[in-house]
C-alpha atoms as a PDB file:
ATOM      1  CA  MET A   1     120.690 -41.940  13.829  1.00  0.00           C
ATOM      2  CA  ALA A   2     123.742 -43.737  12.452  1.00  0.00           C
ATOM      3  CA  GLY A   3     123.654 -44.657   8.797  1.00  0.00           C
ATOM      4  CA  LYS A   4     120.674 -42.383   8.181  1.00  0.00           C
ATOM      5  CA  LYS A   5     120.281 -38.910   6.765  1.00  0.00           C
ATOM      6  CA  ALA A   6     117.433 -36.440   6.607  1.00  0.00           C
ATOM      7  CA  LYS A   7     115.376 -36.412   3.447  1.00  0.00           C
ATOM      8  CA  THR A   8     114.776 -32.847   2.268  1.00  0.00           C
ATOM      9  CA  ILE A   9     111.588 -32.035   0.382  1.00  0.00           C
ATOM     10  CA  SER A  10     110.733 -28.908  -1.570  1.00  0.00           C
ATOM     11  CA  ILE A  11     107.052 -28.051  -1.576  1.00  0.00           C
ATOM     12  CA  LYS A  12     106.232 -25.089  -3.810  1.00  0.00           C
ATOM     13  CA  LEU A  13     102.422 -25.144  -3.655  1.00  0.00           C
ATOM     14  CA  ALA A  14      99.995 -26.058  -0.889  1.00  0.00           C
ATOM     15  CA  ALA A  15      96.412 -26.836  -1.923  1.00  0.00           C
ATOM     16  CA  ILE A  16      94.119 -26.386   1.076  1.00  0.00           C
ATOM     17  CA  ASP A  17      90.445 -27.209   1.474  1.00  0.00           C
ATOM     18  CA  ILE A  18      88.331 -24.721   3.473  1.00  0.00           C
ATOM     19  CA  ASP A  19      85.542 -26.290   5.500  1.00  0.00           C
ATOM     20  CA  GLY A  20      86.818 -28.749   8.076  1.00  0.00           C
ATOM     21  CA  THR A  21      90.387 -27.888   7.087  1.00  0.00           C
ATOM     22  CA  LEU A  22      91.485 -24.266   6.732  1.00  0.00           C
ATOM     23  CA  VAL A  23      88.819 -22.875   9.080  1.00  0.00           C
ATOM     24  CA  ASN A  24      87.811 -24.145  12.500  1.00  0.00           C
ATOM     25  CA  SER A  25      84.377 -25.347  13.575  1.00  0.00           C
ATOM     26  CA  GLU A  26      83.235 -21.729  13.869  1.00  0.00           C
ATOM     27  CA  LYS A  27      84.222 -21.188  10.211  1.00  0.00           C
ATOM     28  CA  LYS A  28      87.038 -18.861  11.263  1.00  0.00           C
ATOM     29  CA  LEU A  29      90.755 -18.651  10.557  1.00  0.00           C
ATOM     30  CA  THR A  30      92.850 -19.065  13.673  1.00  0.00           C
ATOM     31  CA  THR A  31      95.838 -16.897  14.513  1.00  0.00           C
ATOM     32  CA  ALA A  32      98.204 -19.861  14.145  1.00  0.00           C
ATOM     33  CA  VAL A  33      96.904 -20.748  10.678  1.00  0.00           C
ATOM     34  CA  LYS A  34      97.186 -17.160   9.474  1.00  0.00           C
ATOM     35  CA  ALA A  35     100.735 -16.908  10.843  1.00  0.00           C
ATOM     36  CA  ALA A  36     101.816 -20.175   9.182  1.00  0.00           C
ATOM     37  CA  ILE A  37     100.409 -19.107   5.817  1.00  0.00           C
ATOM     38  CA  ALA A  38     102.105 -15.707   6.097  1.00  0.00           C
ATOM     39  CA  ALA A  39     105.421 -17.457   6.826  1.00  0.00           C
ATOM     40  CA  ALA A  40     104.904 -19.805   3.874  1.00  0.00           C
ATOM     41  CA  LYS A  41     104.299 -16.828   1.582  1.00  0.00           C
ATOM     42  CA  GLN A  42     107.583 -15.331   2.773  1.00  0.00           C
ATOM     43  CA  GLU A  43     109.221 -18.543   1.559  1.00  0.00           C
ATOM     44  CA  GLN A  44     107.571 -18.046  -1.882  1.00  0.00           C
ATOM     45  CA  LEU A  45     105.160 -20.931  -1.345  1.00  0.00           C
ATOM     46  CA  LYS A  46     101.918 -20.701  -3.325  1.00  0.00           C
ATOM     47  CA  ILE A  47      98.869 -21.101  -1.093  1.00  0.00           C
ATOM     48  CA  VAL A  48      95.913 -22.277  -3.180  1.00  0.00           C
ATOM     49  CA  ILE A  49      92.515 -22.514  -1.558  1.00  0.00           C
ATOM     50  CA  CYS A  50      90.808 -25.486  -3.185  1.00  0.00           C
ATOM     51  CA  THR A  51      87.131 -25.607  -2.299  1.00  0.00           C
ATOM     52  CA  GLY A  52      83.628 -26.584  -3.259  1.00  0.00           C
ATOM     53  CA  ARG A  53      82.544 -23.052  -2.409  1.00  0.00           C
ATOM     54  CA  PRO A  54      81.919 -20.447  -5.115  1.00  0.00           C
ATOM     55  CA  TYR A  55      84.331 -17.552  -5.371  1.00  0.00           C
ATOM     56  CA  THR A  56      81.955 -15.322  -3.393  1.00  0.00           C
ATOM     57  CA  GLY A  57      82.435 -17.640  -0.419  1.00  0.00           C
ATOM     58  CA  VAL A  58      86.223 -17.407  -0.603  1.00  0.00           C
ATOM     59  CA  LYS A  59      86.923 -13.700  -1.056  1.00  0.00           C
ATOM     60  CA  SER A  60      86.792 -12.742   2.616  1.00  0.00           C
ATOM     61  CA  LEU A  61      89.238 -15.522   3.523  1.00  0.00           C
ATOM     62  CA  LEU A  62      91.599 -14.514   0.723  1.00  0.00           C
ATOM     63  CA  THR A  63      91.497 -10.935   2.007  1.00  0.00           C
ATOM     64  CA  GLU A  64      92.188 -12.052   5.572  1.00  0.00           C
ATOM     65  CA  LEU A  65      95.147 -14.118   4.350  1.00  0.00           C
ATOM     66  CA  LYS A  66      96.403 -11.236   2.177  1.00  0.00           C
ATOM     67  CA  LEU A  67      96.027 -13.335  -0.989  1.00  0.00           C
ATOM     68  CA  GLN A  68      93.245 -11.348  -2.658  1.00  0.00           C
ATOM     69  CA  ASN A  69      93.540  -9.261  -5.861  1.00  0.00           C
ATOM     70  CA  GLN A  70      96.887 -10.704  -6.948  1.00  0.00           C
ATOM     71  CA  ALA A  71      97.882 -11.855 -10.418  1.00  0.00           C
ATOM     72  CA  ASP A  72     100.290 -14.490  -9.063  1.00  0.00           C
ATOM     73  CA  GLN A  73      98.011 -16.103  -6.463  1.00  0.00           C
ATOM     74  CA  TYR A  74      95.410 -18.698  -7.373  1.00  0.00           C
ATOM     75  CA  VAL A  75      92.165 -20.244  -6.176  1.00  0.00           C
ATOM     76  CA  ILE A  76      90.140 -23.306  -7.172  1.00  0.00           C
ATOM     77  CA  CYS A  77      86.378 -23.046  -6.614  1.00  0.00           C
ATOM     78  CA  PHE A  78      83.126 -24.936  -7.263  1.00  0.00           C
ATOM     79  CA  GLY A  79      84.827 -28.273  -6.551  1.00  0.00           C
ATOM     80  CA  GLY A  80      87.301 -27.770  -9.394  1.00  0.00           C
ATOM     81  CA  ALA A  81      85.019 -26.217 -12.014  1.00  0.00           C
ATOM     82  CA  LEU A  82      86.726 -22.812 -11.743  1.00  0.00           C
ATOM     83  CA  VAL A  83      90.463 -22.106 -11.666  1.00  0.00           C
ATOM     84  CA  GLN A  84      91.466 -18.460 -11.542  1.00  0.00           C
ATOM     85  CA  THR A  85      93.897 -15.907 -10.190  1.00  0.00           C
ATOM     86  CA  THR A  86      92.725 -14.048  -7.111  1.00  0.00           C
ATOM     87  CA  ASN A  87      92.451 -10.865  -9.174  1.00  0.00           C
ATOM     88  CA  GLY A  88      89.856 -12.489 -11.408  1.00  0.00           C
ATOM     89  CA  HIS A  89      91.699 -13.887 -14.435  1.00  0.00           C
ATOM     90  CA  ILE A  90      89.994 -17.169 -15.361  1.00  0.00           C
ATOM     91  CA  ILE A  91      92.375 -19.984 -16.250  1.00  0.00           C
ATOM     92  CA  ASN A  92      89.678 -22.629 -16.669  1.00  0.00           C
ATOM     93  CA  LEU A  93      85.908 -22.871 -16.270  1.00  0.00           C
ATOM     94  CA  GLN A  94      83.916 -26.100 -16.786  1.00  0.00           C
ATOM     95  CA  PRO A  95      80.243 -25.643 -15.876  1.00  0.00           C
ATOM     96  CA  LEU A  96      77.631 -28.359 -15.524  1.00  0.00           C
ATOM     97  CA  ALA A  97      75.568 -28.764 -18.703  1.00  0.00           C
ATOM     98  CA  TYR A  98      71.985 -27.568 -18.437  1.00  0.00           C
ATOM     99  CA  GLU A  99      70.729 -30.890 -19.804  1.00  0.00           C
ATOM    100  CA  SER A 100      72.606 -32.749 -17.056  1.00  0.00           C
ATOM    101  CA  PHE A 101      71.143 -30.406 -14.476  1.00  0.00           C
ATOM    102  CA  LEU A 102      67.587 -31.121 -15.709  1.00  0.00           C
ATOM    103  CA  LYS A 103      68.073 -34.893 -15.421  1.00  0.00           C
ATOM    104  CA  LEU A 104      69.548 -34.579 -11.956  1.00  0.00           C
ATOM    105  CA  GLU A 105      66.868 -32.195 -10.727  1.00  0.00           C
ATOM    106  CA  ALA A 106      64.105 -34.501 -11.974  1.00  0.00           C
ATOM    107  CA  LEU A 107      65.583 -37.482 -10.123  1.00  0.00           C
ATOM    108  CA  ALA A 108      66.094 -35.494  -6.930  1.00  0.00           C
ATOM    109  CA  SER A 109      62.510 -34.246  -7.097  1.00  0.00           C
ATOM    110  CA  MET A 110      61.181 -37.755  -7.713  1.00  0.00           C
ATOM    111  CA  GLN A 111      63.010 -39.009  -4.607  1.00  0.00           C
ATOM    112  CA  GLN A 112      61.945 -35.970  -2.557  1.00  0.00           C
ATOM    113  CA  LEU A 113      65.500 -34.802  -1.968  1.00  0.00           C
ATOM    114  CA  HIS A 114      66.384 -31.157  -1.513  1.00  0.00           C
ATOM    115  CA  PHE A 115      68.408 -29.927  -4.462  1.00  0.00           C
ATOM    116  CA  GLN A 116      70.073 -26.722  -5.581  1.00  0.00           C
ATOM    117  CA  ALA A 117      72.057 -25.346  -8.509  1.00  0.00           C
ATOM    118  CA  VAL A 118      74.951 -22.998  -7.883  1.00  0.00           C
ATOM    119  CA  ALA A 119      75.906 -20.106 -10.157  1.00  0.00           C
ATOM    120  CA  ARG A 120      78.670 -17.568  -9.666  1.00  0.00           C
ATOM    121  CA  LYS A 121      76.682 -15.227  -7.446  1.00  0.00           C
ATOM    122  CA  ARG A 122      73.409 -16.989  -6.698  1.00  0.00           C
ATOM    123  CA  ILE A 123      71.909 -20.270  -5.479  1.00  0.00           C
ATOM    124  CA  TYR A 124      68.870 -21.511  -7.397  1.00  0.00           C
ATOM    125  CA  THR A 125      66.368 -24.035  -6.093  1.00  0.00           C
ATOM    126  CA  ALA A 126      63.069 -25.442  -7.331  1.00  0.00           C
ATOM    127  CA  ASN A 127      62.121 -26.492  -3.777  1.00  0.00           C
ATOM    128  CA  ARG A 128      59.233 -24.329  -2.601  1.00  0.00           C
ATOM    129  CA  ASN A 129      60.136 -25.232   0.965  1.00  0.00           C
ATOM    130  CA  ILE A 130      63.729 -24.079   0.911  1.00  0.00           C
ATOM    131  CA  SER A 131      66.076 -26.411   2.754  1.00  0.00           C
ATOM    132  CA  CYS A 132      67.800 -25.189   5.909  1.00  0.00           C
ATOM    133  CA  TYR A 133      71.022 -26.367   4.262  1.00  0.00           C
ATOM    134  CA  THR A 134      70.398 -24.088   1.282  1.00  0.00           C
ATOM    135  CA  ALA A 135      69.857 -21.199   3.702  1.00  0.00           C
ATOM    136  CA  TYR A 136      73.069 -22.116   5.530  1.00  0.00           C
ATOM    137  CA  GLU A 137      75.033 -22.315   2.266  1.00  0.00           C
ATOM    138  CA  SER A 138      73.698 -18.889   1.325  1.00  0.00           C
ATOM    139  CA  ILE A 139      75.202 -17.417   4.492  1.00  0.00           C
ATOM    140  CA  ILE A 140      78.541 -19.222   4.178  1.00  0.00           C
ATOM    141  CA  THR A 141      79.010 -18.483   0.479  1.00  0.00           C
ATOM    142  CA  GLN A 142      77.572 -14.951   0.502  1.00  0.00           C
ATOM    143  CA  GLN A 143      75.061 -15.799  -2.230  1.00  0.00           C
ATOM    144  CA  GLU A 144      71.401 -14.871  -2.521  1.00  0.00           C
ATOM    145  CA  ILE A 145      68.790 -17.607  -3.014  1.00  0.00           C
ATOM    146  CA  SER A 146      66.325 -17.586  -5.900  1.00  0.00           C
ATOM    147  CA  TYR A 147      63.335 -19.895  -6.327  1.00  0.00           C
ATOM    148  CA  ARG A 148      63.045 -20.953  -9.979  1.00  0.00           C
ATOM    149  CA  THR A 149      61.318 -23.806 -11.758  1.00  0.00           C
ATOM    150  CA  PRO A 150      63.756 -25.996 -13.707  1.00  0.00           C
ATOM    151  CA  ALA A 151      62.651 -24.348 -16.964  1.00  0.00           C
ATOM    152  CA  GLU A 152      63.398 -20.920 -15.499  1.00  0.00           C
ATOM    153  CA  MET A 153      66.928 -21.731 -14.405  1.00  0.00           C
ATOM    154  CA  PRO A 154      69.601 -19.636 -16.157  1.00  0.00           C
ATOM    155  CA  LYS A 155      70.981 -22.052 -18.747  1.00  0.00           C
ATOM    156  CA  ASP A 156      74.357 -20.349 -19.182  1.00  0.00           C
ATOM    157  CA  ASP A 157      75.235 -19.606 -15.556  1.00  0.00           C
ATOM    158  CA  LEU A 158      74.946 -22.905 -13.671  1.00  0.00           C
ATOM    159  CA  ILE A 159      78.334 -24.212 -12.599  1.00  0.00           C
ATOM    160  CA  LYS A 160      77.536 -27.097 -10.265  1.00  0.00           C
ATOM    161  CA  ALA A 161      74.592 -28.701  -8.459  1.00  0.00           C
ATOM    162  CA  MET A 162      74.116 -30.174  -5.002  1.00  0.00           C
ATOM    163  CA  ILE A 163      71.829 -32.714  -3.381  1.00  0.00           C
ATOM    164  CA  ILE A 164      71.477 -31.338   0.138  1.00  0.00           C
ATOM    165  CA  ASP A 165      69.533 -33.109   2.852  1.00  0.00           C
ATOM    166  CA  GLU A 166      69.626 -34.872   6.192  1.00  0.00           C
ATOM    167  CA  LYS A 167      72.542 -37.249   6.711  1.00  0.00           C
ATOM    168  CA  SER A 168      70.189 -40.220   6.965  1.00  0.00           C
ATOM    169  CA  LYS A 169      68.704 -39.396   3.557  1.00  0.00           C
ATOM    170  CA  ILE A 170      72.147 -38.990   1.988  1.00  0.00           C
ATOM    171  CA  ASP A 171      73.276 -42.288   3.516  1.00  0.00           C
ATOM    172  CA  SER A 172      70.180 -44.011   2.168  1.00  0.00           C
ATOM    173  CA  LEU A 173      70.659 -42.491  -1.285  1.00  0.00           C
ATOM    174  CA  LEU A 174      74.231 -43.739  -1.536  1.00  0.00           C
ATOM    175  CA  GLN A 175      73.117 -47.227  -0.488  1.00  0.00           C
ATOM    176  CA  ASN A 176      70.413 -47.160  -3.172  1.00  0.00           C
ATOM    177  CA  TRP A 177      72.222 -45.313  -5.952  1.00  0.00           C
ATOM    178  CA  SER A 178      70.847 -47.215  -8.974  1.00  0.00           C
ATOM    179  CA  ALA A 179      68.552 -44.418 -10.186  1.00  0.00           C
ATOM    180  CA  PHE A 180      71.464 -41.959 -10.315  1.00  0.00           C
ATOM    181  CA  ALA A 181      74.115 -44.379 -11.602  1.00  0.00           C
ATOM    182  CA  PRO A 182      73.372 -43.807 -15.338  1.00  0.00           C
ATOM    183  CA  LEU A 183      74.174 -40.108 -14.868  1.00  0.00           C
ATOM    184  CA  GLU A 184      77.763 -40.981 -13.965  1.00  0.00           C
ATOM    185  CA  LYS A 185      78.413 -41.006 -17.725  1.00  0.00           C
ATOM    186  CA  GLU A 186      78.036 -37.216 -17.759  1.00  0.00           C
ATOM    187  CA  ILE A 187      78.300 -36.063 -14.140  1.00  0.00           C
ATOM    188  CA  ASN A 188      81.014 -36.352 -11.501  1.00  0.00           C
ATOM    189  CA  PHE A 189      79.477 -36.998  -8.069  1.00  0.00           C
ATOM    190  CA  CYS A 190      81.199 -36.747  -4.708  1.00  0.00           C
ATOM    191  CA  ARG A 191      80.112 -36.475  -1.103  1.00  0.00           C
ATOM    192  CA  SER A 192      81.576 -33.293   0.313  1.00  0.00           C
ATOM    193  CA  SER A 193      79.958 -33.467   3.759  1.00  0.00           C
ATOM    194  CA  PRO A 194      77.545 -35.720   5.636  1.00  0.00           C
ATOM    195  CA  ASN A 195      74.685 -33.644   4.178  1.00  0.00           C
ATOM    196  CA  TYR A 196      75.918 -32.853   0.648  1.00  0.00           C
ATOM    197  CA  ILE A 197      76.478 -34.690  -2.595  1.00  0.00           C
ATOM    198  CA  GLU A 198      78.033 -32.364  -5.168  1.00  0.00           C
ATOM    199  CA  ALA A 199      77.587 -32.724  -8.920  1.00  0.00           C
ATOM    200  CA  ASN A 200      80.027 -31.317 -11.463  1.00  0.00           C
ATOM    201  CA  ALA A 201      80.627 -31.864 -15.153  1.00  0.00           C
ATOM    202  CA  LEU A 202      82.264 -35.196 -15.926  1.00  0.00           C
ATOM    203  CA  GLY A 203      85.993 -35.099 -15.190  1.00  0.00           C
ATOM    204  CA  VAL A 204      85.727 -32.054 -12.950  1.00  0.00           C
ATOM    205  CA  ASN A 205      87.088 -32.422  -9.420  1.00  0.00           C
ATOM    206  CA  LYS A 206      89.679 -30.800  -7.212  1.00  0.00           C
ATOM    207  CA  GLY A 207      92.411 -33.134  -8.448  1.00  0.00           C
ATOM    208  CA  SER A 208      91.862 -32.389 -12.139  1.00  0.00           C
ATOM    209  CA  ALA A 209      91.749 -28.658 -11.406  1.00  0.00           C
ATOM    210  CA  LEU A 210      94.941 -28.838  -9.368  1.00  0.00           C
ATOM    211  CA  GLN A 211      96.658 -30.799 -12.129  1.00  0.00           C
ATOM    212  CA  LEU A 212      95.626 -28.148 -14.648  1.00  0.00           C
ATOM    213  CA  LEU A 213      96.938 -25.374 -12.402  1.00  0.00           C
ATOM    214  CA  CYS A 214     100.229 -27.186 -11.816  1.00  0.00           C
ATOM    215  CA  HIS A 215     100.675 -27.620 -15.565  1.00  0.00           C
ATOM    216  CA  TYR A 216      99.993 -23.881 -15.949  1.00  0.00           C
ATOM    217  CA  LEU A 217     102.619 -23.114 -13.289  1.00  0.00           C
ATOM    218  CA  LYS A 218     105.037 -25.797 -14.543  1.00  0.00           C
ATOM    219  CA  LEU A 219     105.030 -27.640 -11.220  1.00  0.00           C
ATOM    220  CA  GLN A 220     105.344 -31.389 -10.669  1.00  0.00           C
ATOM    221  CA  PRO A 221     103.088 -33.355  -8.278  1.00  0.00           C
ATOM    222  CA  ALA A 222     106.114 -33.971  -6.042  1.00  0.00           C
ATOM    223  CA  GLU A 223     106.289 -30.217  -5.443  1.00  0.00           C
ATOM    224  CA  VAL A 224     102.690 -30.028  -4.226  1.00  0.00           C
ATOM    225  CA  MET A 225     101.107 -30.651  -0.823  1.00  0.00           C
ATOM    226  CA  ALA A 226      97.345 -31.066  -0.391  1.00  0.00           C
ATOM    227  CA  ILE A 227      95.387 -30.944   2.866  1.00  0.00           C
ATOM    228  CA  GLY A 228      91.771 -32.060   3.206  1.00  0.00           C
ATOM    229  CA  ASP A 229      89.134 -33.856   5.239  1.00  0.00           C
ATOM    230  CA  GLN A 230      86.228 -35.035   3.032  1.00  0.00           C
ATOM    231  CA  GLY A 231      85.476 -37.199   0.019  1.00  0.00           C
ATOM    232  CA  ASN A 232      85.714 -34.301  -2.424  1.00  0.00           C
ATOM    233  CA  ASP A 233      89.361 -33.853  -1.347  1.00  0.00           C
ATOM    234  CA  LEU A 234      90.401 -37.370  -2.332  1.00  0.00           C
ATOM    235  CA  SER A 235      91.176 -36.520  -5.955  1.00  0.00           C
ATOM    236  CA  MET A 236      93.648 -33.783  -5.020  1.00  0.00           C
ATOM    237  CA  LEU A 237      95.235 -35.926  -2.307  1.00  0.00           C
ATOM    238  CA  GLU A 238      95.757 -38.680  -4.872  1.00  0.00           C
ATOM    239  CA  TYR A 239      97.345 -36.250  -7.340  1.00  0.00           C
ATOM    240  CA  THR A 240      99.861 -34.578  -5.055  1.00  0.00           C
ATOM    241  CA  GLY A 241     103.235 -35.762  -3.900  1.00  0.00           C
ATOM    242  CA  LEU A 242     102.414 -35.021  -0.265  1.00  0.00           C
ATOM    243  CA  ALA A 243      98.869 -35.849   0.885  1.00  0.00           C
ATOM    244  CA  ILE A 244      97.856 -34.700   4.366  1.00  0.00           C
ATOM    245  CA  ALA A 245      94.641 -35.675   6.161  1.00  0.00           C
ATOM    246  CA  MET A 246      93.172 -33.532   8.887  1.00  0.00           C
ATOM    247  CA  GLY A 247      92.704 -35.143  12.297  1.00  0.00           C
ATOM    248  CA  ASN A 248      88.956 -34.709  11.774  1.00  0.00           C
ATOM    249  CA  ALA A 249      89.018 -36.270   8.286  1.00  0.00           C
ATOM    250  CA  THR A 250      86.884 -39.210   7.227  1.00  0.00           C
ATOM    251  CA  ALA A 251      88.379 -42.696   7.473  1.00  0.00           C
ATOM    252  CA  GLU A 252      88.586 -42.842   3.667  1.00  0.00           C
ATOM    253  CA  VAL A 253      90.616 -39.624   3.508  1.00  0.00           C
ATOM    254  CA  LYS A 254      92.962 -40.766   6.275  1.00  0.00           C
ATOM    255  CA  ALA A 255      93.529 -44.044   4.434  1.00  0.00           C
ATOM    256  CA  ALA A 256      94.452 -42.148   1.241  1.00  0.00           C
ATOM    257  CA  ALA A 257      96.820 -39.699   2.952  1.00  0.00           C
ATOM    258  CA  MET A 258     100.522 -40.098   3.656  1.00  0.00           C
ATOM    259  CA  PHE A 259     100.408 -38.204   6.934  1.00  0.00           C
ATOM    260  CA  GLU A 260      97.811 -37.002   9.411  1.00  0.00           C
ATOM    261  CA  THR A 261      97.901 -33.606  11.099  1.00  0.00           C
ATOM    262  CA  THR A 262      95.823 -32.313  14.018  1.00  0.00           C
ATOM    263  CA  ASP A 263      92.155 -31.392  13.556  1.00  0.00           C
ATOM    264  CA  ASN A 264      90.768 -28.071  12.357  1.00  0.00           C
ATOM    265  CA  ASP A 265      90.114 -26.902  15.921  1.00  0.00           C
ATOM    266  CA  HIS A 266      93.771 -27.484  16.799  1.00  0.00           C
ATOM    267  CA  ASP A 267      95.512 -25.701  13.918  1.00  0.00           C
ATOM    268  CA  GLY A 268      96.036 -28.751  11.712  1.00  0.00           C
ATOM    269  CA  VAL A 269      96.859 -26.663   8.636  1.00  0.00           C
ATOM    270  CA  ALA A 270      99.424 -24.637  10.574  1.00  0.00           C
ATOM    271  CA  GLN A 271     101.062 -27.805  11.887  1.00  0.00           C
ATOM    272  CA  ALA A 272     101.299 -29.293   8.380  1.00  0.00           C
ATOM    273  CA  ILE A 273     102.788 -26.127   6.884  1.00  0.00           C
ATOM    274  CA  LYS A 274     105.379 -25.867   9.663  1.00  0.00           C
ATOM    275  CA  GLN A 275     106.391 -29.511   9.419  1.00  0.00           C
ATOM    276  CA  PHE A 276     106.448 -30.038   5.683  1.00  0.00           C
ATOM    277  CA  CYS A 277     106.918 -26.605   4.114  1.00  0.00           C
ATOM    278  CA  LEU A 278     108.877 -24.470   6.545  1.00  0.00           C
ATOM    279  CA  ASN A 279     110.953 -27.253   8.077  1.00  0.00           C
ATOM    280  CA  LYS A 280     111.379 -28.948   4.665  1.00  0.00           C
ATOM    281  CA  VAL A 281     112.598 -32.162   6.242  1.00  0.00           C
ATOM    282  CA  LEU A 282     110.590 -35.358   5.957  1.00  0.00           C
ATOM    283  CA  GLY A 283     111.557 -38.426   7.942  1.00  0.00           C
ATOM    284  CA  MET A 284     114.853 -40.237   7.533  1.00  0.00           C
ATOM    285  CA  ALA A 285     116.323 -42.042   4.546  1.00  0.00           C
ATOM    286  CA  ASP A 286     119.222 -44.432   4.114  1.00  0.00           C
END
């Protein structure tokens, strides 16, 4: 195109959500995604899984992607509460205060909402009738479930909490949020799926964790690409220089992104890596 030239970009780190993004609807990595990530690693690109899952729910994926047990590869877990190397060195950990957990659990119980607290290796719930979503999370994250009264919860091990229930109940809660609103002074809330509202310590989210990691690695936002699909990905999309929404992302995520890739059942992550990291050419500039 006359009078135009290609604009070259240099992405050095790709922050990638898991559910609805990195893995397909069957919670599996596709061949194309694995190949794209392997090619990106060959180009010295840092691949950082950035997830609401605990570390136990990430290890198998890291192993499959050949990122596990490495001092120079990184992962962000628990919605941003934990930043560490994949060989276990903790860079930052910001758990939810026990007092905040007690207030949140009491409100959830009063409104008859299923609720759980998440520690490093275990899910705790005070619901005698354990939610099907808690059981599902246990399978996905490779964590055992323990029934505990609020007073019996391990005070020093709780990292985040989750309101988990039917979509209609979550929708209704968000439309009638007044009871929970005062807790926003000490808790960061975000909807991470139609059935989940996640609760972290104030200021903790994927974006703040990614910013901390980039400072640690001496990277600028312009050198970072983020890919996501849900509300808990918004903070990292807003931080990065290149924000990519999955084809299956919520309308809010698509509105916040700069570009949209294909959905998670059509190798959206692979397409984004090929276009913006391996090709390294973005659009045209005067």
